[in-house]
N, C-alpha and C. Protein backbone atom coordinates (compact mmCIF):
# COMPACT_ATOMS: atom_id res chain seq x y z
N MET A 1 10.60 122.66 15.47
CA MET A 1 10.10 121.86 16.58
C MET A 1 9.88 120.43 16.12
N THR A 2 10.13 119.53 17.03
CA THR A 2 9.91 118.12 16.71
C THR A 2 8.44 117.79 16.82
N ARG A 3 8.06 116.72 16.16
CA ARG A 3 6.68 116.26 16.22
C ARG A 3 6.29 115.95 17.66
N SER A 4 7.20 115.37 18.42
CA SER A 4 6.94 115.02 19.82
C SER A 4 6.63 116.27 20.64
N ARG A 5 7.41 117.34 20.42
CA ARG A 5 7.17 118.57 21.18
C ARG A 5 5.81 119.16 20.81
N ILE A 6 5.48 119.20 19.54
CA ILE A 6 4.20 119.74 19.10
C ILE A 6 3.05 118.96 19.74
N GLN A 7 3.17 117.65 19.76
CA GLN A 7 2.12 116.82 20.36
C GLN A 7 2.01 117.07 21.86
N THR A 8 3.15 117.20 22.53
CA THR A 8 3.14 117.46 23.97
C THR A 8 2.54 118.83 24.27
N GLU A 9 2.91 119.84 23.49
CA GLU A 9 2.33 121.17 23.68
C GLU A 9 0.81 121.11 23.52
N GLN A 10 0.33 120.39 22.52
CA GLN A 10 -1.11 120.29 22.30
C GLN A 10 -1.79 119.57 23.45
N ARG A 11 -1.15 118.52 23.98
CA ARG A 11 -1.72 117.81 25.15
C ARG A 11 -1.81 118.75 26.35
N ILE A 12 -0.81 119.58 26.52
CA ILE A 12 -0.80 120.53 27.63
C ILE A 12 -1.94 121.55 27.45
N LEU A 13 -2.08 122.10 26.25
CA LEU A 13 -3.15 123.06 25.98
C LEU A 13 -4.52 122.41 26.15
N ASN A 14 -4.66 121.18 25.67
CA ASN A 14 -5.92 120.45 25.84
C ASN A 14 -6.23 120.22 27.32
N ALA A 15 -5.18 119.98 28.10
CA ALA A 15 -5.36 119.74 29.54
C ALA A 15 -5.92 120.99 30.23
N VAL A 16 -5.44 122.16 29.83
CA VAL A 16 -5.97 123.40 30.41
C VAL A 16 -7.47 123.48 30.18
N GLY A 17 -7.90 123.26 28.94
CA GLY A 17 -9.32 123.34 28.61
C GLY A 17 -10.15 122.30 29.32
N SER A 18 -9.67 121.07 29.39
CA SER A 18 -10.47 120.02 30.02
C SER A 18 -10.59 120.22 31.53
N ILE A 19 -9.54 120.67 32.18
CA ILE A 19 -9.63 120.93 33.62
C ILE A 19 -10.59 122.09 33.89
N LEU A 20 -10.48 123.14 33.11
CA LEU A 20 -11.39 124.29 33.27
C LEU A 20 -12.84 123.85 33.13
N LEU A 21 -13.11 123.05 32.11
CA LEU A 21 -14.48 122.64 31.82
C LEU A 21 -15.02 121.68 32.87
N GLU A 22 -14.20 120.75 33.31
CA GLU A 22 -14.66 119.71 34.24
C GLU A 22 -14.66 120.17 35.70
N GLN A 23 -13.65 120.95 36.09
CA GLN A 23 -13.49 121.26 37.51
C GLN A 23 -13.55 122.74 37.83
N GLY A 24 -13.55 123.58 36.81
CA GLY A 24 -13.58 125.02 37.04
C GLY A 24 -12.20 125.60 37.28
N TYR A 25 -12.14 126.91 37.29
CA TYR A 25 -10.86 127.60 37.38
C TYR A 25 -10.06 127.35 38.66
N PRO A 26 -10.69 127.07 39.82
CA PRO A 26 -9.83 126.85 40.99
C PRO A 26 -8.91 125.63 40.85
N ALA A 27 -9.26 124.69 39.99
CA ALA A 27 -8.46 123.47 39.83
C ALA A 27 -7.31 123.63 38.86
N VAL A 28 -7.27 124.74 38.12
CA VAL A 28 -6.23 124.92 37.11
C VAL A 28 -4.93 125.35 37.78
N GLY A 29 -3.91 124.54 37.59
CA GLY A 29 -2.58 124.83 38.13
C GLY A 29 -1.56 124.02 37.37
N ILE A 30 -0.31 124.37 37.51
CA ILE A 30 0.76 123.69 36.79
C ILE A 30 0.75 122.19 37.06
N ASN A 31 0.65 121.78 38.33
CA ASN A 31 0.70 120.36 38.65
C ASN A 31 -0.49 119.60 38.06
N ALA A 32 -1.67 120.16 38.17
CA ALA A 32 -2.87 119.50 37.62
C ALA A 32 -2.78 119.40 36.11
N ILE A 33 -2.29 120.44 35.47
CA ILE A 33 -2.16 120.43 34.01
C ILE A 33 -1.14 119.37 33.59
N ALA A 34 -0.01 119.32 34.26
CA ALA A 34 1.01 118.32 33.93
C ALA A 34 0.48 116.90 34.10
N ARG A 35 -0.24 116.66 35.21
CA ARG A 35 -0.82 115.33 35.42
C ARG A 35 -1.79 114.98 34.29
N ARG A 36 -2.68 115.91 33.97
CA ARG A 36 -3.68 115.65 32.94
C ARG A 36 -3.02 115.43 31.58
N ALA A 37 -1.96 116.19 31.29
CA ALA A 37 -1.28 116.07 30.00
C ALA A 37 -0.34 114.86 29.94
N GLY A 38 -0.07 114.28 31.12
CA GLY A 38 0.83 113.13 31.16
C GLY A 38 2.27 113.50 30.87
N CYS A 39 2.69 114.65 31.40
CA CYS A 39 4.07 115.10 31.18
C CYS A 39 4.62 115.71 32.47
N ASP A 40 5.90 115.91 32.49
CA ASP A 40 6.54 116.56 33.63
C ASP A 40 6.26 118.06 33.56
N LYS A 41 6.04 118.67 34.72
CA LYS A 41 5.73 120.10 34.73
C LYS A 41 6.88 120.96 34.22
N VAL A 42 8.09 120.41 34.24
CA VAL A 42 9.24 121.12 33.70
C VAL A 42 9.02 121.46 32.23
N LEU A 43 8.32 120.57 31.51
CA LEU A 43 8.05 120.82 30.10
C LEU A 43 7.14 122.03 29.89
N ILE A 44 6.24 122.26 30.82
CA ILE A 44 5.37 123.43 30.71
C ILE A 44 6.22 124.70 30.77
N TYR A 45 7.16 124.72 31.71
CA TYR A 45 8.04 125.88 31.82
C TYR A 45 8.96 125.99 30.60
N ARG A 46 9.46 124.87 30.13
CA ARG A 46 10.37 124.88 28.99
C ARG A 46 9.64 125.31 27.71
N TYR A 47 8.46 124.78 27.49
CA TYR A 47 7.75 125.05 26.24
C TYR A 47 6.98 126.37 26.25
N PHE A 48 6.48 126.77 27.41
CA PHE A 48 5.63 127.96 27.46
C PHE A 48 6.22 129.10 28.29
N GLY A 49 7.16 128.81 29.17
CA GLY A 49 7.78 129.84 29.98
C GLY A 49 7.21 129.95 31.38
N GLY A 50 6.01 129.48 31.60
CA GLY A 50 5.38 129.54 32.91
C GLY A 50 3.87 129.48 32.79
N PHE A 51 3.22 129.60 33.92
CA PHE A 51 1.76 129.46 33.98
C PHE A 51 1.05 130.55 33.18
N ASP A 52 1.42 131.81 33.41
CA ASP A 52 0.77 132.92 32.70
C ASP A 52 0.97 132.81 31.19
N GLU A 53 2.17 132.44 30.78
CA GLU A 53 2.44 132.29 29.36
C GLU A 53 1.65 131.13 28.76
N LEU A 54 1.47 130.07 29.54
CA LEU A 54 0.65 128.94 29.09
C LEU A 54 -0.79 129.38 28.89
N LEU A 55 -1.33 130.14 29.83
CA LEU A 55 -2.70 130.64 29.71
C LEU A 55 -2.85 131.54 28.49
N LEU A 56 -1.84 132.36 28.22
CA LEU A 56 -1.88 133.21 27.05
C LEU A 56 -1.88 132.37 25.77
N ALA A 57 -1.02 131.35 25.72
CA ALA A 57 -0.98 130.47 24.55
C ALA A 57 -2.32 129.76 24.37
N PHE A 58 -2.93 129.33 25.46
CA PHE A 58 -4.24 128.69 25.38
C PHE A 58 -5.28 129.65 24.81
N ALA A 59 -5.27 130.88 25.31
CA ALA A 59 -6.24 131.88 24.85
C ALA A 59 -6.06 132.18 23.36
N GLU A 60 -4.81 132.21 22.92
CA GLU A 60 -4.54 132.58 21.53
C GLU A 60 -4.77 131.44 20.55
N THR A 61 -4.78 130.21 21.02
CA THR A 61 -4.91 129.07 20.11
C THR A 61 -6.27 128.38 20.22
N THR A 62 -7.13 128.85 21.08
CA THR A 62 -8.43 128.22 21.28
C THR A 62 -9.54 129.16 20.85
N THR A 63 -10.51 128.64 20.14
CA THR A 63 -11.66 129.46 19.74
C THR A 63 -12.65 129.47 20.89
N LEU A 64 -12.61 130.52 21.67
CA LEU A 64 -13.44 130.61 22.86
C LEU A 64 -14.62 131.56 22.71
N TRP A 65 -14.52 132.47 21.77
CA TRP A 65 -15.50 133.55 21.75
C TRP A 65 -16.28 133.57 20.45
N TRP A 66 -17.45 134.17 20.50
CA TRP A 66 -18.32 134.26 19.34
C TRP A 66 -17.72 135.18 18.28
N GLU A 67 -18.20 134.99 17.07
CA GLU A 67 -17.84 135.87 15.95
C GLU A 67 -18.99 136.86 15.73
N VAL A 68 -18.68 138.02 15.22
CA VAL A 68 -19.70 139.05 15.00
C VAL A 68 -20.80 138.54 14.06
N ASP A 69 -20.42 137.81 13.02
CA ASP A 69 -21.40 137.29 12.06
C ASP A 69 -22.35 136.27 12.68
N GLU A 70 -21.98 135.71 13.80
CA GLU A 70 -22.85 134.78 14.52
C GLU A 70 -23.97 135.54 15.25
N ILE A 71 -23.69 136.75 15.66
CA ILE A 71 -24.66 137.57 16.40
C ILE A 71 -25.48 138.45 15.44
N LEU A 72 -24.80 139.01 14.46
CA LEU A 72 -25.45 139.91 13.50
C LEU A 72 -25.56 139.18 12.17
N THR A 73 -26.76 138.70 11.86
CA THR A 73 -26.95 137.91 10.65
C THR A 73 -27.74 138.64 9.57
N GLU A 74 -28.34 139.78 9.93
CA GLU A 74 -29.17 140.52 8.98
C GLU A 74 -28.33 141.41 8.06
N THR A 75 -28.89 141.69 6.90
CA THR A 75 -28.29 142.65 5.98
C THR A 75 -28.87 144.03 6.31
N ALA A 76 -28.29 145.06 5.70
CA ALA A 76 -28.80 146.42 5.92
C ALA A 76 -30.26 146.53 5.48
N ALA A 77 -30.59 145.88 4.35
CA ALA A 77 -31.97 145.92 3.86
C ALA A 77 -32.94 145.26 4.85
N GLU A 78 -32.53 144.16 5.43
CA GLU A 78 -33.38 143.48 6.41
C GLU A 78 -33.54 144.32 7.67
N CYS A 79 -32.48 145.00 8.07
CA CYS A 79 -32.55 145.86 9.26
C CYS A 79 -33.50 147.03 9.06
N ALA A 80 -33.60 147.50 7.83
CA ALA A 80 -34.50 148.62 7.55
C ALA A 80 -35.96 148.28 7.85
N GLU A 81 -36.26 146.99 7.87
CA GLU A 81 -37.63 146.52 8.14
C GLU A 81 -37.88 146.21 9.62
N ILE A 82 -36.86 146.35 10.45
CA ILE A 82 -36.97 145.96 11.86
C ILE A 82 -36.73 147.19 12.73
N ALA A 83 -37.63 147.44 13.67
CA ALA A 83 -37.44 148.55 14.61
C ALA A 83 -36.20 148.28 15.47
N LEU A 84 -35.47 149.33 15.79
CA LEU A 84 -34.22 149.17 16.54
C LEU A 84 -34.40 148.38 17.85
N PRO A 85 -35.40 148.68 18.69
CA PRO A 85 -35.53 147.88 19.92
C PRO A 85 -35.72 146.38 19.65
N ASP A 86 -36.51 146.05 18.62
CA ASP A 86 -36.71 144.64 18.27
C ASP A 86 -35.41 144.01 17.77
N PHE A 87 -34.67 144.79 17.01
CA PHE A 87 -33.40 144.28 16.49
C PHE A 87 -32.39 144.04 17.61
N LEU A 88 -32.29 144.99 18.53
CA LEU A 88 -31.37 144.81 19.66
C LEU A 88 -31.77 143.60 20.51
N GLN A 89 -33.07 143.37 20.65
CA GLN A 89 -33.54 142.20 21.38
C GLN A 89 -33.08 140.92 20.68
N ARG A 90 -33.15 140.89 19.36
CA ARG A 90 -32.67 139.74 18.59
C ARG A 90 -31.18 139.49 18.84
N LEU A 91 -30.42 140.58 18.81
CA LEU A 91 -28.97 140.46 19.03
C LEU A 91 -28.68 139.88 20.41
N LEU A 92 -29.40 140.37 21.41
CA LEU A 92 -29.17 139.87 22.77
C LEU A 92 -29.58 138.41 22.89
N ASP A 93 -30.65 138.01 22.23
CA ASP A 93 -31.06 136.59 22.24
C ASP A 93 -29.97 135.72 21.62
N ARG A 94 -29.42 136.16 20.50
CA ARG A 94 -28.35 135.39 19.85
C ARG A 94 -27.09 135.37 20.71
N TYR A 95 -26.86 136.46 21.40
CA TYR A 95 -25.69 136.54 22.28
C TYR A 95 -25.80 135.50 23.40
N VAL A 96 -26.98 135.38 23.98
CA VAL A 96 -27.20 134.38 25.03
C VAL A 96 -26.95 132.98 24.48
N THR A 97 -27.49 132.70 23.30
CA THR A 97 -27.30 131.39 22.68
C THR A 97 -25.81 131.12 22.43
N ALA A 98 -25.10 132.14 21.95
CA ALA A 98 -23.66 131.99 21.69
C ALA A 98 -22.90 131.71 22.98
N LEU A 99 -23.25 132.40 24.05
CA LEU A 99 -22.57 132.17 25.33
C LEU A 99 -22.87 130.78 25.88
N GLU A 100 -24.13 130.40 25.87
CA GLU A 100 -24.51 129.11 26.45
C GLU A 100 -23.92 127.94 25.68
N SER A 101 -23.59 128.14 24.41
CA SER A 101 -22.98 127.07 23.62
C SER A 101 -21.48 126.97 23.85
N ARG A 102 -20.94 127.82 24.72
CA ARG A 102 -19.50 127.84 24.99
C ARG A 102 -19.23 127.72 26.49
N PRO A 103 -19.45 126.55 27.05
CA PRO A 103 -19.26 126.40 28.50
C PRO A 103 -17.84 126.72 28.96
N LEU A 104 -16.86 126.48 28.12
CA LEU A 104 -15.49 126.79 28.51
C LEU A 104 -15.29 128.30 28.63
N ALA A 105 -15.85 129.06 27.71
CA ALA A 105 -15.75 130.52 27.80
C ALA A 105 -16.45 131.03 29.06
N LEU A 106 -17.57 130.40 29.42
CA LEU A 106 -18.28 130.81 30.65
C LEU A 106 -17.42 130.57 31.88
N GLU A 107 -16.72 129.44 31.92
CA GLU A 107 -15.83 129.18 33.06
C GLU A 107 -14.73 130.23 33.15
N ILE A 108 -14.19 130.61 32.00
CA ILE A 108 -13.13 131.62 32.00
C ILE A 108 -13.69 132.98 32.41
N MET A 109 -14.90 133.29 31.96
CA MET A 109 -15.53 134.56 32.36
C MET A 109 -15.78 134.57 33.87
N ALA A 110 -16.18 133.42 34.43
CA ALA A 110 -16.36 133.34 35.88
C ALA A 110 -15.02 133.55 36.59
N TRP A 111 -13.97 132.99 36.04
CA TRP A 111 -12.62 133.15 36.59
C TRP A 111 -12.23 134.63 36.57
N GLU A 112 -12.58 135.31 35.50
CA GLU A 112 -12.26 136.72 35.33
C GLU A 112 -12.85 137.58 36.45
N MET A 113 -13.97 137.13 37.03
CA MET A 113 -14.61 137.89 38.11
C MET A 113 -13.76 137.93 39.37
N SER A 114 -12.92 136.92 39.55
CA SER A 114 -12.15 136.86 40.79
C SER A 114 -10.65 137.02 40.60
N GLU A 115 -10.18 136.88 39.38
CA GLU A 115 -8.73 136.91 39.17
C GLU A 115 -8.42 137.37 37.76
N GLN A 116 -7.40 138.17 37.64
CA GLN A 116 -6.92 138.59 36.33
C GLN A 116 -5.65 137.81 36.00
N ASN A 117 -5.61 137.24 34.81
CA ASN A 117 -4.42 136.55 34.34
C ASN A 117 -4.39 136.66 32.82
N ASN A 118 -3.39 136.07 32.19
CA ASN A 118 -3.27 136.21 30.74
C ASN A 118 -4.49 135.67 30.00
N LEU A 119 -5.06 134.58 30.49
CA LEU A 119 -6.22 134.00 29.83
C LEU A 119 -7.44 134.91 29.95
N THR A 120 -7.75 135.35 31.16
CA THR A 120 -8.93 136.21 31.33
C THR A 120 -8.73 137.56 30.64
N ASN A 121 -7.51 138.10 30.70
CA ASN A 121 -7.25 139.38 30.04
C ASN A 121 -7.37 139.26 28.52
N THR A 122 -6.87 138.16 27.97
CA THR A 122 -6.96 137.97 26.52
C THR A 122 -8.40 137.80 26.09
N LEU A 123 -9.16 137.01 26.84
CA LEU A 123 -10.57 136.83 26.50
C LEU A 123 -11.32 138.16 26.61
N ALA A 124 -11.03 138.94 27.62
CA ALA A 124 -11.68 140.25 27.77
C ALA A 124 -11.34 141.17 26.60
N ARG A 125 -10.09 141.13 26.17
CA ARG A 125 -9.69 141.96 25.02
C ARG A 125 -10.42 141.52 23.75
N ILE A 126 -10.47 140.22 23.50
CA ILE A 126 -11.17 139.71 22.32
C ILE A 126 -12.65 140.08 22.39
N ARG A 127 -13.24 139.88 23.56
CA ARG A 127 -14.66 140.20 23.76
C ARG A 127 -14.91 141.68 23.49
N GLY A 128 -14.02 142.54 23.98
CA GLY A 128 -14.16 143.97 23.75
C GLY A 128 -14.05 144.34 22.28
N GLU A 129 -13.07 143.74 21.59
CA GLU A 129 -12.90 144.02 20.16
C GLU A 129 -14.12 143.58 19.36
N ARG A 130 -14.63 142.40 19.67
CA ARG A 130 -15.80 141.91 18.94
C ARG A 130 -17.02 142.75 19.26
N GLY A 131 -17.16 143.16 20.51
CA GLY A 131 -18.27 144.02 20.90
C GLY A 131 -18.23 145.34 20.17
N MET A 132 -17.04 145.94 20.05
CA MET A 132 -16.90 147.21 19.35
C MET A 132 -17.24 147.05 17.86
N GLU A 133 -16.81 145.95 17.27
CA GLU A 133 -17.13 145.70 15.86
C GLU A 133 -18.63 145.51 15.67
N LEU A 134 -19.27 144.82 16.59
CA LEU A 134 -20.72 144.63 16.53
C LEU A 134 -21.45 145.97 16.60
N VAL A 135 -21.06 146.81 17.54
CA VAL A 135 -21.69 148.12 17.70
C VAL A 135 -21.47 148.96 16.44
N LYS A 136 -20.27 148.93 15.90
CA LYS A 136 -19.97 149.70 14.68
C LYS A 136 -20.88 149.28 13.54
N ARG A 137 -21.09 147.98 13.38
CA ARG A 137 -21.93 147.50 12.29
C ARG A 137 -23.41 147.83 12.52
N VAL A 138 -23.86 147.75 13.76
CA VAL A 138 -25.25 148.11 14.06
C VAL A 138 -25.47 149.60 13.80
N ARG A 139 -24.52 150.42 14.21
CA ARG A 139 -24.64 151.88 13.98
C ARG A 139 -24.71 152.19 12.48
N ALA A 140 -24.01 151.42 11.67
CA ALA A 140 -24.05 151.63 10.22
C ALA A 140 -25.44 151.34 9.66
N PHE A 141 -26.16 150.41 10.30
CA PHE A 141 -27.51 150.06 9.85
C PHE A 141 -28.56 151.03 10.39
N TYR A 142 -28.33 151.52 11.59
CA TYR A 142 -29.31 152.39 12.26
C TYR A 142 -28.67 153.73 12.56
N HIS A 143 -29.02 154.74 11.81
CA HIS A 143 -28.46 156.08 12.00
C HIS A 143 -29.37 156.85 12.95
N GLN A 144 -29.21 156.60 14.24
CA GLN A 144 -30.03 157.27 15.25
C GLN A 144 -29.10 157.91 16.28
N PRO A 145 -28.71 159.16 16.02
CA PRO A 145 -27.74 159.82 16.89
C PRO A 145 -28.22 160.03 18.32
N ASN A 146 -29.52 160.00 18.56
CA ASN A 146 -30.04 160.22 19.91
C ASN A 146 -30.02 158.96 20.77
N ILE A 147 -29.68 157.83 20.17
CA ILE A 147 -29.65 156.57 20.91
C ILE A 147 -28.21 156.05 20.95
N ASP A 148 -27.72 155.84 22.15
CA ASP A 148 -26.36 155.32 22.34
C ASP A 148 -26.41 153.79 22.23
N ILE A 149 -26.29 153.30 21.00
CA ILE A 149 -26.39 151.86 20.75
C ILE A 149 -25.30 151.10 21.52
N GLY A 150 -24.10 151.64 21.53
CA GLY A 150 -23.01 150.98 22.26
C GLY A 150 -23.30 150.90 23.75
N GLY A 151 -23.82 151.98 24.30
CA GLY A 151 -24.16 151.99 25.72
C GLY A 151 -25.27 151.01 26.06
N VAL A 152 -26.30 150.97 25.20
CA VAL A 152 -27.42 150.05 25.43
C VAL A 152 -26.93 148.61 25.38
N LEU A 153 -26.19 148.26 24.32
CA LEU A 153 -25.69 146.88 24.21
C LEU A 153 -24.71 146.56 25.34
N GLY A 154 -23.93 147.55 25.76
CA GLY A 154 -22.99 147.32 26.85
C GLY A 154 -23.67 147.01 28.16
N VAL A 155 -24.68 147.79 28.51
CA VAL A 155 -25.40 147.58 29.77
C VAL A 155 -26.14 146.24 29.75
N PHE A 156 -26.89 146.00 28.67
CA PHE A 156 -27.65 144.76 28.61
C PHE A 156 -26.72 143.55 28.43
N GLY A 157 -25.64 143.74 27.68
CA GLY A 157 -24.67 142.64 27.53
C GLY A 157 -24.05 142.25 28.86
N ALA A 158 -23.73 143.25 29.68
CA ALA A 158 -23.18 142.97 31.01
C ALA A 158 -24.19 142.21 31.86
N SER A 159 -25.46 142.58 31.76
CA SER A 159 -26.52 141.88 32.50
C SER A 159 -26.61 140.43 32.05
N VAL A 160 -26.57 140.23 30.74
CA VAL A 160 -26.61 138.88 30.19
C VAL A 160 -25.39 138.08 30.65
N ASN A 161 -24.21 138.69 30.58
CA ASN A 161 -22.99 138.00 31.03
C ASN A 161 -23.16 137.51 32.47
N TYR A 162 -23.60 138.41 33.33
CA TYR A 162 -23.74 138.06 34.74
C TYR A 162 -24.73 136.91 34.92
N LEU A 163 -25.88 137.01 34.28
CA LEU A 163 -26.90 135.98 34.45
C LEU A 163 -26.43 134.63 33.91
N VAL A 164 -25.82 134.64 32.74
CA VAL A 164 -25.38 133.38 32.14
C VAL A 164 -24.26 132.75 32.97
N ILE A 165 -23.35 133.56 33.48
CA ILE A 165 -22.28 133.03 34.33
C ILE A 165 -22.86 132.48 35.63
N ARG A 166 -23.76 133.25 36.23
CA ARG A 166 -24.33 132.84 37.52
C ARG A 166 -25.15 131.57 37.43
N THR A 167 -25.82 131.37 36.30
CA THR A 167 -26.71 130.21 36.16
C THR A 167 -26.08 129.06 35.38
N ARG A 168 -24.79 129.14 35.08
CA ARG A 168 -24.16 128.14 34.21
C ARG A 168 -24.24 126.72 34.77
N LYS A 169 -24.37 126.57 36.06
CA LYS A 169 -24.43 125.24 36.66
C LYS A 169 -25.79 124.95 37.29
N GLN A 170 -26.77 125.80 36.97
CA GLN A 170 -28.12 125.64 37.52
C GLN A 170 -28.98 124.78 36.60
N SER A 171 -30.13 124.39 37.11
CA SER A 171 -31.07 123.59 36.32
C SER A 171 -31.59 124.41 35.14
N GLN A 172 -32.01 123.70 34.10
CA GLN A 172 -32.55 124.38 32.92
C GLN A 172 -33.79 125.20 33.26
N GLN A 173 -34.64 124.67 34.14
CA GLN A 173 -35.86 125.38 34.53
C GLN A 173 -35.52 126.71 35.20
N TYR A 174 -34.53 126.70 36.08
CA TYR A 174 -34.10 127.91 36.75
C TYR A 174 -33.58 128.93 35.72
N LYS A 175 -32.77 128.46 34.76
CA LYS A 175 -32.25 129.33 33.73
C LYS A 175 -33.37 129.96 32.92
N VAL A 176 -34.35 129.15 32.54
CA VAL A 176 -35.46 129.65 31.74
C VAL A 176 -36.21 130.75 32.48
N GLU A 177 -36.47 130.54 33.76
CA GLU A 177 -37.19 131.56 34.54
C GLU A 177 -36.38 132.84 34.66
N GLU A 178 -35.10 132.71 34.97
CA GLU A 178 -34.25 133.89 35.13
C GLU A 178 -34.11 134.63 33.80
N TRP A 179 -33.89 133.90 32.72
CA TRP A 179 -33.72 134.55 31.43
C TRP A 179 -35.02 135.21 30.99
N TRP A 180 -36.15 134.58 31.24
CA TRP A 180 -37.44 135.18 30.87
C TRP A 180 -37.61 136.53 31.56
N ARG A 181 -37.29 136.59 32.84
CA ARG A 181 -37.41 137.86 33.58
C ARG A 181 -36.50 138.93 32.99
N LEU A 182 -35.26 138.54 32.67
CA LEU A 182 -34.32 139.50 32.10
C LEU A 182 -34.80 139.95 30.72
N GLN A 183 -35.28 139.03 29.90
CA GLN A 183 -35.79 139.39 28.58
C GLN A 183 -36.93 140.39 28.67
N GLN A 184 -37.85 140.15 29.59
CA GLN A 184 -38.99 141.07 29.74
C GLN A 184 -38.51 142.46 30.15
N THR A 185 -37.57 142.52 31.05
CA THR A 185 -37.04 143.80 31.51
C THR A 185 -36.31 144.51 30.38
N ILE A 186 -35.46 143.78 29.66
CA ILE A 186 -34.73 144.38 28.54
C ILE A 186 -35.70 144.91 27.50
N SER A 187 -36.70 144.12 27.17
CA SER A 187 -37.67 144.51 26.16
C SER A 187 -38.38 145.82 26.54
N LYS A 188 -38.83 145.90 27.79
CA LYS A 188 -39.53 147.10 28.25
C LYS A 188 -38.59 148.32 28.25
N LEU A 189 -37.36 148.11 28.70
CA LEU A 189 -36.41 149.23 28.73
C LEU A 189 -36.03 149.68 27.33
N LEU A 190 -35.86 148.74 26.42
CA LEU A 190 -35.55 149.10 25.04
C LEU A 190 -36.67 149.92 24.42
N GLN A 191 -37.89 149.49 24.64
CA GLN A 191 -39.05 150.22 24.09
C GLN A 191 -39.12 151.63 24.68
N ALA A 192 -38.94 151.73 25.99
CA ALA A 192 -39.02 153.03 26.65
C ALA A 192 -37.87 153.94 26.17
N TYR A 193 -36.70 153.37 25.99
CA TYR A 193 -35.53 154.14 25.58
C TYR A 193 -35.70 154.68 24.16
N ALA A 194 -36.32 153.88 23.29
CA ALA A 194 -36.47 154.28 21.89
C ALA A 194 -37.59 155.29 21.68
N ASP A 195 -38.50 155.40 22.65
CA ASP A 195 -39.63 156.35 22.50
C ASP A 195 -39.21 157.78 22.72
């Protein structure tokens, strides 16, 4: 590939991200991307094959999702000193922080609620793989066969996803109130579940 093509491809990929972040998923389209990238839309088809293939390339070349080590920072020895409900609460708090620090991922997750495409499907697959790895590592630290750690994290993670997506454009005060309510509910349910 020529240097010019590589630069144009990168401008096109950057355009996808900037449109998503600034205007949301309804504004993402071939014409808008071409305008933002400063190129003819024919190049998008030539270089990527089409809209879905472009979204897939964007998903595969952009760091959109958290890493397991960002959510799970404790060692096995440290976990031995922390009750499982308290530990799961820590994980969920870090998960919220990780999501809120990725506004582009939140826009794509919101898009996923209304439409399936290569970008939303790829992000969902990555999210699922990372979630499974997180659960596997937590289970290695906490050998409690009577508690479905994956189920607990899945239910509460889905609640967090919904709340963070729904409040992504709301005032900070509104977010704080909503998150406080969810935290209190999660905490009480975790305690009750572990008893």
